[in-house]
Amino acid sequence: MKILVVEPLEAPKIKEIDGSLEAMQKEVGGYIQALFPFEEPVALICNEEGKLHGLPLNRTLRDDNGIYDIVCGTFFLCAAPLDEDNFCSLSDEQIDRFTEMYRSPEVFL
């Protein structure tokens, strides 16, 4: 499965993983949580306990009203088709678009 990994203070990186629970947990360093902050079927997979464990602030999540949350620790993006039970690879177009979206690391004060 082709994913886009976003680490704190780093530009996004394309990576291939086998799509197993273990592989996903390894990417985020713990139990996974799937968030769906986009209108399209793309999941943001992060460490479920990132804030509790004090992982570094990574990127903000925004809607029409501004910032509504901050993802802590490494996360990755993958496709989450509505007609599938499993996560899937991002398309090349999605990789390009989300790479641009998360290209600049955010610094928090």
Protein backbone atom coordinates (compact mmCIF):
# COMPACT_ATOMS: atom_id res chain seq x y z
CA MET A 1 0.00 0.00 0.00
CA LYS A 2 1.43 3.37 -1.05
CA ILE A 3 1.08 5.96 1.72
CA LEU A 4 2.27 9.48 2.45
CA VAL A 5 4.12 9.72 5.78
CA VAL A 6 4.22 13.09 7.56
CA GLU A 7 6.69 13.45 10.43
CA PRO A 8 6.98 16.54 12.66
CA LEU A 9 9.20 19.24 11.14
CA GLU A 10 9.72 17.16 7.95
CA ALA A 11 8.38 17.24 4.42
CA PRO A 12 6.04 14.34 3.51
CA LYS A 13 7.58 11.11 2.20
CA ILE A 14 6.07 8.41 0.00
CA LYS A 15 6.39 4.94 1.47
CA GLU A 16 5.19 1.42 0.67
CA ILE A 17 3.86 -0.73 3.53
CA ASP A 18 2.07 -4.07 3.47
CA GLY A 19 -1.17 -2.65 4.91
CA SER A 20 -1.24 -4.89 7.97
CA LEU A 21 -2.23 -3.53 11.38
CA GLU A 22 1.32 -4.14 12.59
CA ALA A 23 2.82 -2.14 9.71
CA MET A 24 0.45 0.76 10.33
CA GLN A 25 1.21 0.74 14.07
CA LYS A 26 4.92 0.74 13.33
CA GLU A 27 4.55 3.89 11.19
CA VAL A 28 2.86 5.87 13.96
CA GLY A 29 4.64 4.27 16.92
CA GLY A 30 1.61 2.82 18.70
CA TYR A 31 -2.11 2.14 18.49
CA ILE A 32 -3.66 3.67 15.40
CA GLN A 33 -6.55 6.08 15.12
CA ALA A 34 -8.17 6.87 11.78
CA LEU A 35 -9.39 10.42 11.21
CA PHE A 36 -11.34 11.56 8.17
CA PRO A 37 -10.71 15.32 7.87
CA PHE A 38 -11.07 15.48 4.09
CA GLU A 39 -14.14 15.51 1.84
CA GLU A 40 -12.69 12.70 -0.25
CA PRO A 41 -12.24 9.14 1.07
CA VAL A 42 -8.73 9.60 2.48
CA ALA A 43 -7.82 8.61 6.03
CA LEU A 44 -5.28 10.30 8.28
CA ILE A 45 -3.82 7.55 10.46
CA CYS A 46 -2.13 8.74 13.65
CA ASN A 47 -1.08 7.47 17.06
CA GLU A 48 -4.25 7.18 19.12
CA GLU A 49 -2.39 8.20 22.29
CA GLY A 50 -0.08 10.79 20.71
CA LYS A 51 -1.28 13.67 22.87
CA LEU A 52 -1.33 11.57 26.05
CA HIS A 53 2.28 10.51 25.47
CA GLY A 54 3.40 14.04 24.65
CA LEU A 55 4.46 13.30 21.08
CA PRO A 56 5.65 16.37 19.17
CA LEU A 57 3.04 18.63 17.61
CA ASN A 58 2.98 17.94 13.89
CA ARG A 59 0.29 19.55 11.70
CA THR A 60 -2.99 21.37 12.26
CA LEU A 61 -6.38 20.18 11.09
CA ARG A 62 -8.52 22.99 9.69
CA ASP A 63 -12.06 23.53 8.51
CA ASP A 64 -13.98 26.61 7.37
CA ASN A 65 -13.78 28.03 10.90
CA GLY A 66 -10.00 27.63 11.22
CA ILE A 67 -7.89 25.24 13.30
CA TYR A 68 -9.89 22.62 15.19
CA ASP A 69 -7.14 20.16 16.24
CA ILE A 70 -3.43 19.41 16.09
CA VAL A 71 -2.07 15.97 15.19
CA CYS A 72 0.75 14.87 17.49
CA GLY A 73 3.51 12.56 16.30
CA THR A 74 4.01 10.94 12.92
CA PHE A 75 0.93 10.27 10.82
CA PHE A 76 0.25 8.96 7.35
CA LEU A 77 -2.42 9.33 4.71
CA CYS A 78 -3.98 6.47 2.78
CA ALA A 79 -7.07 5.90 0.67
CA ALA A 80 -10.22 4.73 2.46
CA PRO A 81 -12.71 3.78 -0.28
CA LEU A 82 -16.30 3.70 0.92
CA ASP A 83 -16.91 0.33 -0.76
CA GLU A 84 -13.85 -1.38 0.80
CA ASP A 85 -13.19 -2.79 4.26
CA ASN A 86 -9.46 -2.02 4.17
CA PHE A 87 -7.30 1.01 3.58
CA CYS A 88 -5.68 1.26 0.15
CA SER A 89 -2.92 3.04 -1.74
CA LEU A 90 -3.21 6.72 -2.51
CA SER A 91 -3.41 7.61 -6.18
CA ASP A 92 -0.52 9.54 -7.75
CA GLU A 93 -2.78 12.60 -7.97
CA GLN A 94 -3.63 12.35 -4.25
CA ILE A 95 0.04 11.96 -3.37
CA ASP A 96 0.90 15.09 -5.34
CA ARG A 97 -1.93 17.12 -3.80
CA PHE A 98 -1.34 16.05 -0.18
CA THR A 99 2.44 16.40 -0.55
CA GLU A 100 1.83 20.02 -1.49
CA MET A 101 -0.71 20.47 1.34
CA TYR A 102 1.73 19.23 4.00
CA ARG A 103 4.98 20.36 2.32
CA SER A 104 5.79 23.05 4.89
CA PRO A 105 6.29 21.90 8.48
CA GLU A 106 4.38 23.89 11.07
CA VAL A 107 6.09 25.38 14.12
CA PHE A 108 4.02 25.82 17.28
CA LEU A 109 4.64 28.34 20.05
